[in-house]
């Protein structure tokens, strides 16, 4: 949102919503559309510090951030009795749960994709086919 100087304040954490599935389309397929479909990390004072994924799908989701690992700091969560140290395995987020990840302040520029498997629909969420992160 504007701060009166013509610049946009960076939300902390950056909200990423995983909404309820859409009604079935003509083929019977339901979809979840990640919002926003692309997360722009930014640069300088506009650089994101944290990202928060919120699961509103009504069922469990698994967020796999392997390709974006160089952009992110592994979350401090307890994932099935194992501390989560890297992004090689998907992170399970229960219904109405959240996942907070930090943004590495020294990330390389590029476009990175991540995956969100939604139990509510039996396949991956859609974003920017697939959802992505962009730096800057």
C-alpha atoms as a PDB file:
ATOM      1  CA  UNK A   1       0.000   0.000   0.000  1.00  0.00           C
ATOM      2  CA  UNK A   2       1.262   3.514  -0.762  1.00  0.00           C
ATOM      3  CA  UNK A   3       2.934   5.423   2.062  1.00  0.00           C
ATOM      4  CA  UNK A   4       2.324   8.925   0.622  1.00  0.00           C
ATOM      5  CA  UNK A   5       5.724   9.167  -1.084  1.00  0.00           C
ATOM      6  CA  UNK A   6       4.856   7.293  -4.263  1.00  0.00           C
ATOM      7  CA  UNK A   7       6.508   4.107  -3.019  1.00  0.00           C
ATOM      8  CA  UNK A   8       4.867   0.884  -1.967  1.00  0.00           C
ATOM      9  CA  UNK A   9       5.420  -0.576   1.481  1.00  0.00           C
ATOM     10  CA  UNK A  10       6.564  -4.181   1.471  1.00  0.00           C
ATOM     11  CA  UNK A  11       4.272  -6.447   3.487  1.00  0.00           C
ATOM     12  CA  UNK A  12       6.001  -8.454   6.191  1.00  0.00           C
ATOM     13  CA  UNK A  13       5.456 -11.302   5.885  1.00  0.00           C
ATOM     14  CA  UNK A  14       4.318 -11.387   2.250  1.00  0.00           C
ATOM     15  CA  UNK A  15       0.944 -13.191   2.298  1.00  0.00           C
ATOM     16  CA  UNK A  16       0.441 -16.077  -0.133  1.00  0.00           C
ATOM     17  CA  UNK A  17      -3.049 -17.559  -0.045  1.00  0.00           C
ATOM     18  CA  UNK A  18      -4.002 -21.106  -0.993  1.00  0.00           C
ATOM     19  CA  UNK A  19      -7.781 -20.585  -1.308  1.00  0.00           C
ATOM     20  CA  UNK A  20     -10.595 -23.134  -1.367  1.00  0.00           C
ATOM     21  CA  UNK A  21     -10.914 -25.118  -4.595  1.00  0.00           C
ATOM     22  CA  UNK A  22     -13.024 -23.782  -7.446  1.00  0.00           C
ATOM     23  CA  UNK A  23     -16.253 -25.547  -8.385  1.00  0.00           C
ATOM     24  CA  UNK A  24     -15.706 -28.328 -10.938  1.00  0.00           C
ATOM     25  CA  UNK A  25     -15.196 -27.125 -14.516  1.00  0.00           C
ATOM     26  CA  UNK A  26     -16.797 -28.776 -17.586  1.00  0.00           C
ATOM     27  CA  UNK A  27     -14.373 -31.699 -17.256  1.00  0.00           C
ATOM     28  CA  UNK A  28     -15.112 -32.135 -13.543  1.00  0.00           C
ATOM     29  CA  UNK A  29     -11.708 -30.812 -12.474  1.00  0.00           C
ATOM     30  CA  UNK A  30     -11.465 -28.539  -9.446  1.00  0.00           C
ATOM     31  CA  UNK A  31      -8.549 -26.133  -9.094  1.00  0.00           C
ATOM     32  CA  UNK A  32      -6.718 -24.141  -6.460  1.00  0.00           C
ATOM     33  CA  UNK A  33      -5.163 -20.895  -7.704  1.00  0.00           C
ATOM     34  CA  UNK A  34      -2.236 -19.592  -5.631  1.00  0.00           C
ATOM     35  CA  UNK A  35      -2.616 -15.872  -4.891  1.00  0.00           C
ATOM     36  CA  UNK A  36      -0.391 -14.147  -5.879  1.00  0.00           C
ATOM     37  CA  UNK A  37       0.682 -16.483  -8.705  1.00  0.00           C
ATOM     38  CA  UNK A  38       4.220 -14.981  -8.731  1.00  0.00           C
ATOM     39  CA  UNK A  39       5.988 -13.638  -5.654  1.00  0.00           C
ATOM     40  CA  UNK A  40       8.364 -10.806  -6.516  1.00  0.00           C
ATOM     41  CA  UNK A  41      11.229 -10.718  -3.994  1.00  0.00           C
ATOM     42  CA  UNK A  42      12.272  -7.149  -4.855  1.00  0.00           C
ATOM     43  CA  UNK A  43      15.515  -5.294  -4.166  1.00  0.00           C
ATOM     44  CA  UNK A  44      16.819  -2.767  -1.651  1.00  0.00           C
ATOM     45  CA  UNK A  45      14.259  -1.370   0.774  1.00  0.00           C
ATOM     46  CA  UNK A  46      11.469  -3.078  -1.209  1.00  0.00           C
ATOM     47  CA  UNK A  47      12.983  -6.555  -0.737  1.00  0.00           C
ATOM     48  CA  UNK A  48      10.794  -9.105   1.038  1.00  0.00           C
ATOM     49  CA  UNK A  49      12.066 -10.461   4.327  1.00  0.00           C
ATOM     50  CA  UNK A  50       9.506 -13.235   4.930  1.00  0.00           C
ATOM     51  CA  UNK A  51       6.798 -15.122   3.045  1.00  0.00           C
ATOM     52  CA  UNK A  52       3.731 -16.643   4.738  1.00  0.00           C
ATOM     53  CA  UNK A  53       1.750 -19.363   2.945  1.00  0.00           C
ATOM     54  CA  UNK A  54      -1.759 -19.840   4.385  1.00  0.00           C
ATOM     55  CA  UNK A  55      -3.733 -22.999   3.622  1.00  0.00           C
ATOM     56  CA  UNK A  56      -7.460 -22.357   3.084  1.00  0.00           C
ATOM     57  CA  UNK A  57      -8.006 -25.368   0.791  1.00  0.00           C
ATOM     58  CA  UNK A  58      -9.901 -27.355   3.430  1.00  0.00           C
ATOM     59  CA  UNK A  59      -7.356 -30.179   3.344  1.00  0.00           C
ATOM     60  CA  UNK A  60      -3.603 -30.774   3.679  1.00  0.00           C
ATOM     61  CA  UNK A  61      -1.145 -29.220   1.220  1.00  0.00           C
ATOM     62  CA  UNK A  62       2.485 -30.075   0.552  1.00  0.00           C
ATOM     63  CA  UNK A  63       4.682 -27.152  -0.465  1.00  0.00           C
ATOM     64  CA  UNK A  64       7.887 -28.083  -2.278  1.00  0.00           C
ATOM     65  CA  UNK A  65      10.372 -25.225  -2.588  1.00  0.00           C
ATOM     66  CA  UNK A  66      13.424 -27.090  -3.910  1.00  0.00           C
ATOM     67  CA  UNK A  67      14.131 -24.902  -6.958  1.00  0.00           C
ATOM     68  CA  UNK A  68      13.641 -21.741  -4.872  1.00  0.00           C
ATOM     69  CA  UNK A  69      15.907 -22.999  -2.053  1.00  0.00           C
ATOM     70  CA  UNK A  70      18.698 -20.510  -2.822  1.00  0.00           C
ATOM     71  CA  UNK A  71      16.212 -17.652  -2.304  1.00  0.00           C
ATOM     72  CA  UNK A  72      14.892 -18.878   1.024  1.00  0.00           C
ATOM     73  CA  UNK A  73      15.876 -19.689   4.588  1.00  0.00           C
ATOM     74  CA  UNK A  74      14.549 -23.066   5.814  1.00  0.00           C
ATOM     75  CA  UNK A  75      11.683 -22.626   8.263  1.00  0.00           C
ATOM     76  CA  UNK A  76      12.103 -23.406  11.942  1.00  0.00           C
ATOM     77  CA  UNK A  77       9.351 -26.031  12.138  1.00  0.00           C
ATOM     78  CA  UNK A  78       9.002 -29.509  13.506  1.00  0.00           C
ATOM     79  CA  UNK A  79       8.096 -31.680  10.509  1.00  0.00           C
ATOM     80  CA  UNK A  80       6.978 -35.082  11.803  1.00  0.00           C
ATOM     81  CA  UNK A  81       9.547 -35.136  14.637  1.00  0.00           C
ATOM     82  CA  UNK A  82      12.403 -34.059  12.351  1.00  0.00           C
ATOM     83  CA  UNK A  83      13.766 -30.535  12.272  1.00  0.00           C
ATOM     84  CA  UNK A  84      13.376 -29.111   8.779  1.00  0.00           C
ATOM     85  CA  UNK A  85      16.865 -28.235   7.530  1.00  0.00           C
ATOM     86  CA  UNK A  86      16.525 -27.913   3.753  1.00  0.00           C
ATOM     87  CA  UNK A  87      14.033 -27.850   0.906  1.00  0.00           C
ATOM     88  CA  UNK A  88      14.600 -31.359  -0.492  1.00  0.00           C
ATOM     89  CA  UNK A  89      11.273 -32.632   0.798  1.00  0.00           C
ATOM     90  CA  UNK A  90       7.831 -31.005   0.674  1.00  0.00           C
ATOM     91  CA  UNK A  91       6.615 -29.190   3.775  1.00  0.00           C
ATOM     92  CA  UNK A  92       3.225 -30.390   5.034  1.00  0.00           C
ATOM     93  CA  UNK A  93       0.764 -27.643   5.950  1.00  0.00           C
ATOM     94  CA  UNK A  94      -2.459 -28.727   7.618  1.00  0.00           C
ATOM     95  CA  UNK A  95      -5.853 -27.101   6.881  1.00  0.00           C
ATOM     96  CA  UNK A  96      -5.963 -23.478   8.118  1.00  0.00           C
ATOM     97  CA  UNK A  97      -2.230 -23.746   8.858  1.00  0.00           C
ATOM     98  CA  UNK A  98       0.554 -21.423   7.826  1.00  0.00           C
ATOM     99  CA  UNK A  99       4.132 -21.799   6.672  1.00  0.00           C
ATOM    100  CA  UNK A 100       6.570 -18.935   7.236  1.00  0.00           C
ATOM    101  CA  UNK A 101       9.847 -18.893   5.325  1.00  0.00           C
ATOM    102  CA  UNK A 102      12.537 -16.237   5.408  1.00  0.00           C
ATOM    103  CA  UNK A 103      14.050 -14.694   2.291  1.00  0.00           C
ATOM    104  CA  UNK A 104      17.821 -14.961   1.884  1.00  0.00           C
ATOM    105  CA  UNK A 105      19.170 -11.376   1.726  1.00  0.00           C
ATOM    106  CA  UNK A 106      21.855 -12.437  -0.779  1.00  0.00           C
ATOM    107  CA  UNK A 107      19.768 -14.249  -3.390  1.00  0.00           C
ATOM    108  CA  UNK A 108      20.722 -14.562  -7.038  1.00  0.00           C
ATOM    109  CA  UNK A 109      18.443 -12.965  -9.620  1.00  0.00           C
ATOM    110  CA  UNK A 110      16.246 -15.340 -11.575  1.00  0.00           C
ATOM    111  CA  UNK A 111      12.888 -17.024 -11.863  1.00  0.00           C
ATOM    112  CA  UNK A 112      12.263 -19.992  -9.598  1.00  0.00           C
ATOM    113  CA  UNK A 113       9.303 -22.363  -9.434  1.00  0.00           C
ATOM    114  CA  UNK A 114       7.733 -24.154  -6.514  1.00  0.00           C
ATOM    115  CA  UNK A 115       4.992 -26.736  -6.222  1.00  0.00           C
ATOM    116  CA  UNK A 116       1.906 -27.005  -4.033  1.00  0.00           C
ATOM    117  CA  UNK A 117       0.189 -30.391  -4.002  1.00  0.00           C
ATOM    118  CA  UNK A 118      -3.377 -30.070  -2.668  1.00  0.00           C
ATOM    119  CA  UNK A 119      -5.112 -33.092  -1.167  1.00  0.00           C
ATOM    120  CA  UNK A 120      -8.451 -31.273  -1.634  1.00  0.00           C
ATOM    121  CA  UNK A 121      -8.192 -31.581  -5.429  1.00  0.00           C
ATOM    122  CA  UNK A 122      -5.768 -34.486  -5.848  1.00  0.00           C
ATOM    123  CA  UNK A 123      -3.185 -32.533  -7.853  1.00  0.00           C
ATOM    124  CA  UNK A 124      -1.057 -29.393  -7.857  1.00  0.00           C
ATOM    125  CA  UNK A 125      -2.288 -25.863  -7.381  1.00  0.00           C
ATOM    126  CA  UNK A 126      -2.114 -23.479 -10.311  1.00  0.00           C
ATOM    127  CA  UNK A 127      -0.310 -20.179 -10.212  1.00  0.00           C
ATOM    128  CA  UNK A 128       1.738 -18.887 -13.055  1.00  0.00           C
ATOM    129  CA  UNK A 129       1.882 -22.505 -14.312  1.00  0.00           C
ATOM    130  CA  UNK A 130       3.392 -23.468 -11.803  1.00  0.00           C
ATOM    131  CA  UNK A 131       3.503 -20.681  -9.197  1.00  0.00           C
ATOM    132  CA  UNK A 132       6.865 -18.951  -8.966  1.00  0.00           C
ATOM    133  CA  UNK A 133       9.261 -16.610  -7.200  1.00  0.00           C
ATOM    134  CA  UNK A 134      11.159 -13.901  -9.053  1.00  0.00           C
ATOM    135  CA  UNK A 135      14.259 -12.034  -7.912  1.00  0.00           C
ATOM    136  CA  UNK A 136      14.427  -9.069  -7.975  1.00  0.00           C
END
